[in-house]
Amino acid sequence: QVQLVESGGGLVQAGGSLRLSCAASGRAFTTYTMGWFRQAAGKEREFVATINWSGTYYADSVKGRFTLSRDNAKNTVYLQMNSLKPEDTAVYYCNRGEYWGQGTLVTVSE
C-alpha cells in the first residue's frame, strides 16, 4: 500500500508564494511518475504538473509560475507556487498512478 501525504497548503495573498510537499511511502520512488492535480469548489479535478524520467510538464495555467521538483533521497516531491492568483484556490492533490493523497487546501485572497 502506497501512502501520499501532502503538506504546505494555507492562505496567501495574491502574488504570494507557497510550497507544497508530498511524501510518498514505498520503494522504488524514483521509477514512478509523480503529479499534482487540483480541484476548485464546484469544478472537476484538473492536472497541474507531473514529473517523470523524461522531464517535468505543466498545465498552461501554471506554466512559468509553478515548479515541480523531487528529492529522491526523501521520497518527496515539491510544488513551488509563485505569483499565486485567486483562481489558483483549490484543494491540491498529490498523485502516483492509482494512489492519491488526502489533499491540501490552498486559498489565495485578492
Protein backbone atom coordinates (compact mmCIF):
# COMPACT_ATOMS: atom_id res chain seq x y z
CA GLN A 1 0.00 0.00 0.00
CA VAL A 2 1.35 3.40 -1.01
CA GLN A 3 0.63 6.45 1.08
CA LEU A 4 0.95 10.00 -0.15
CA VAL A 5 0.94 12.72 2.47
CA GLU A 6 0.66 16.34 1.37
CA SER A 7 1.51 19.41 3.39
CA GLY A 8 2.14 23.10 2.89
CA GLY A 9 -1.25 24.48 1.98
CA GLY A 10 -2.67 27.60 3.53
CA LEU A 11 -3.93 31.12 2.98
CA VAL A 12 -1.85 33.57 0.97
CA GLN A 13 -2.47 36.89 -0.71
CA ALA A 14 -2.44 37.22 -4.46
CA GLY A 15 1.11 37.48 -5.72
CA GLY A 16 2.45 35.42 -2.85
CA SER A 17 4.09 32.01 -2.76
CA LEU A 18 3.58 28.62 -1.18
CA ARG A 19 5.45 25.33 -1.38
CA LEU A 20 3.55 22.09 -1.24
CA SER A 21 5.21 18.83 -0.27
CA CYS A 22 4.15 15.25 -0.94
CA ALA A 23 5.90 12.47 0.95
CA ALA A 24 5.46 9.00 -0.51
CA SER A 25 5.82 5.67 1.21
CA GLY A 26 7.05 2.55 -0.52
CA ARG A 27 10.05 1.58 -2.54
CA ALA A 28 11.43 2.49 -5.95
CA PHE A 29 10.28 6.09 -5.64
CA THR A 30 12.47 7.21 -8.50
CA THR A 31 10.79 4.94 -11.03
CA TYR A 32 7.36 6.42 -10.66
CA THR A 33 5.70 9.38 -12.26
CA MET A 34 4.50 11.82 -9.63
CA GLY A 35 2.00 14.54 -10.19
CA TRP A 36 -0.17 17.25 -8.73
CA PHE A 37 -3.81 17.89 -9.51
CA ARG A 38 -6.23 20.41 -8.06
CA GLN A 39 -9.93 20.75 -7.59
CA ALA A 40 -11.68 24.05 -7.03
CA ALA A 41 -15.10 24.22 -5.43
CA GLY A 42 -17.77 23.16 -7.89
CA LYS A 43 -15.28 22.15 -10.54
CA GLU A 44 -13.68 18.96 -11.77
CA ARG A 45 -10.23 17.89 -10.72
CA GLU A 46 -7.62 19.18 -13.15
CA PHE A 47 -4.00 18.47 -13.97
CA VAL A 48 -1.37 20.83 -12.60
CA ALA A 49 2.06 19.27 -13.12
CA THR A 50 3.86 15.97 -13.43
CA ILE A 51 7.43 14.74 -13.24
CA ASN A 52 8.92 11.55 -14.61
CA TRP A 53 12.12 10.21 -16.13
CA SER A 54 11.69 12.31 -19.28
CA GLY A 55 11.02 15.65 -17.67
CA THR A 56 8.55 17.92 -15.99
CA TYR A 57 5.29 19.04 -17.53
CA TYR A 58 2.85 21.77 -16.54
CA ALA A 59 -0.66 22.89 -17.27
CA ASP A 60 -0.69 26.08 -19.32
CA SER A 61 -2.42 27.89 -16.47
CA VAL A 62 0.56 27.43 -14.14
CA LYS A 63 3.48 27.36 -16.54
CA GLY A 64 6.13 29.88 -15.58
CA ARG A 65 4.73 30.27 -12.07
CA PHE A 66 4.86 26.76 -10.58
CA THR A 67 7.90 24.49 -10.33
CA LEU A 68 7.74 20.78 -9.61
CA SER A 69 10.78 19.03 -8.22
CA ARG A 70 11.64 15.82 -6.41
CA ASP A 71 14.07 14.74 -3.72
CA ASN A 72 14.57 11.03 -4.26
CA ALA A 73 16.52 10.62 -1.04
CA LYS A 74 13.45 11.82 0.87
CA ASN A 75 10.80 10.19 -1.35
CA THR A 76 9.26 13.62 -1.66
CA VAL A 77 8.05 15.87 -4.42
CA TYR A 78 7.62 19.60 -4.07
CA LEU A 79 5.41 22.08 -5.86
CA GLN A 80 6.75 25.60 -5.56
CA MET A 81 3.95 28.02 -6.39
CA ASN A 82 4.82 31.64 -7.09
CA SER A 83 2.79 34.61 -8.27
CA LEU A 84 -0.33 32.99 -6.95
CA LYS A 85 -3.70 34.14 -8.24
CA PRO A 86 -7.18 33.84 -6.71
CA GLU A 87 -8.03 31.34 -9.44
CA ASP A 88 -5.34 29.03 -8.03
CA THR A 89 -7.57 28.49 -5.00
CA ALA A 90 -8.30 24.77 -4.76
CA VAL A 91 -7.58 21.57 -2.92
CA TYR A 92 -4.30 20.25 -4.27
CA TYR A 93 -3.79 16.50 -4.53
CA CYS A 94 -0.60 14.53 -4.95
CA ASN A 95 -0.84 11.58 -7.31
CA ARG A 96 1.07 8.44 -8.20
CA GLY A 97 -0.81 6.26 -10.59
CA GLU A 98 -3.85 4.88 -8.79
CA TYR A 99 -2.87 6.48 -5.49
CA TRP A 100 -3.97 9.88 -4.23
CA GLY A 101 -3.12 11.93 -1.19
CA GLN A 102 -5.75 13.40 1.09
CA GLY A 103 -5.36 16.88 -0.39
CA THR A 104 -4.21 20.19 1.00
CA LEU A 105 -6.18 23.41 0.68
CA VAL A 106 -4.65 26.46 -0.95
CA THR A 107 -6.58 29.69 -0.66
CA VAL A 108 -5.43 32.81 -2.48
CA SER A 109 -7.09 36.04 -1.43
CA GLU A 110 -7.46 39.18 -3.54
